[in-house]
Amino acid sequence: MKKFNEVKELVASLEADADKFYNKANSAAGTRVRKGMQDLKNLAQAIRLEIQETKNKA
């Protein structure tokens, strides 16, 4: 559950930069959002593997 909470925190932290990119055309904010989304992808994959491993043990 710890990693799931990390996902929620990461999404929340990206909200301000997403707003700057989409509403104020700040390209540096777009770069930060892209990096954050890559981190989100990696974290989601780790969660998927953890869940599958737990299921296989049962």
Protein backbone atom coordinates (compact mmCIF):
# COMPACT_ATOMS: atom_id res chain seq x y z
CA MET A 1 0.00 0.00 0.00
CA LYS A 2 3.01 2.26 0.52
CA LYS A 3 3.78 2.36 -3.20
CA PHE A 4 0.15 3.13 -4.04
CA ASN A 5 0.32 6.16 -1.75
CA GLU A 6 3.52 7.21 -3.55
CA VAL A 7 1.58 7.15 -6.82
CA LYS A 8 -1.08 9.45 -5.39
CA GLU A 9 1.56 11.84 -4.03
CA LEU A 10 3.41 11.89 -7.35
CA VAL A 11 0.26 12.71 -9.32
CA ALA A 12 -0.61 15.47 -6.86
CA SER A 13 2.88 16.94 -7.13
CA LEU A 14 2.63 17.08 -10.93
CA GLU A 15 -0.65 19.00 -10.93
CA ALA A 16 0.90 22.47 -10.66
CA ASP A 17 3.39 21.83 -13.47
CA ALA A 18 0.65 20.37 -15.69
CA ASP A 19 -1.37 23.54 -15.14
CA LYS A 20 1.63 25.71 -16.04
CA PHE A 21 2.27 23.71 -19.20
CA TYR A 22 -1.29 23.53 -20.51
CA ASN A 23 -2.58 26.93 -19.44
CA LYS A 24 0.53 29.12 -19.50
CA ALA A 25 2.58 27.42 -22.25
CA ASN A 26 5.56 26.91 -19.93
CA SER A 27 7.71 24.36 -21.77
CA ALA A 28 10.01 23.73 -18.78
CA ALA A 29 6.95 22.66 -16.79
CA GLY A 30 6.11 20.25 -19.61
CA THR A 31 9.53 18.67 -19.26
CA ARG A 32 8.97 18.21 -15.53
CA VAL A 33 5.58 16.62 -16.20
CA ARG A 34 7.11 14.24 -18.74
CA LYS A 35 9.78 13.18 -16.22
CA GLY A 36 7.17 12.73 -13.53
CA MET A 37 5.01 10.64 -15.82
CA GLN A 38 7.98 8.39 -16.57
CA ASP A 39 8.51 7.98 -12.82
CA LEU A 40 4.81 7.18 -12.50
CA LYS A 41 5.10 4.52 -15.20
CA ASN A 42 8.04 2.89 -13.44
CA LEU A 43 6.29 2.98 -10.07
CA ALA A 44 3.12 1.48 -11.57
CA GLN A 45 5.17 -1.34 -13.09
CA ALA A 46 6.78 -2.05 -9.73
CA ILE A 47 3.34 -2.23 -8.13
CA ARG A 48 2.11 -4.59 -10.85
CA LEU A 49 5.07 -6.93 -10.29
CA GLU A 50 4.59 -6.84 -6.52
CA ILE A 51 0.91 -7.73 -6.85
CA GLN A 52 1.62 -10.56 -9.28
CA GLU A 53 4.31 -11.96 -7.00
CA THR A 54 1.92 -11.86 -4.03
CA LYS A 55 -0.81 -13.60 -6.05
CA ASN A 56 1.57 -16.34 -7.17
CA LYS A 57 2.61 -17.06 -3.58
CA ALA A 58 -0.99 -17.64 -2.51
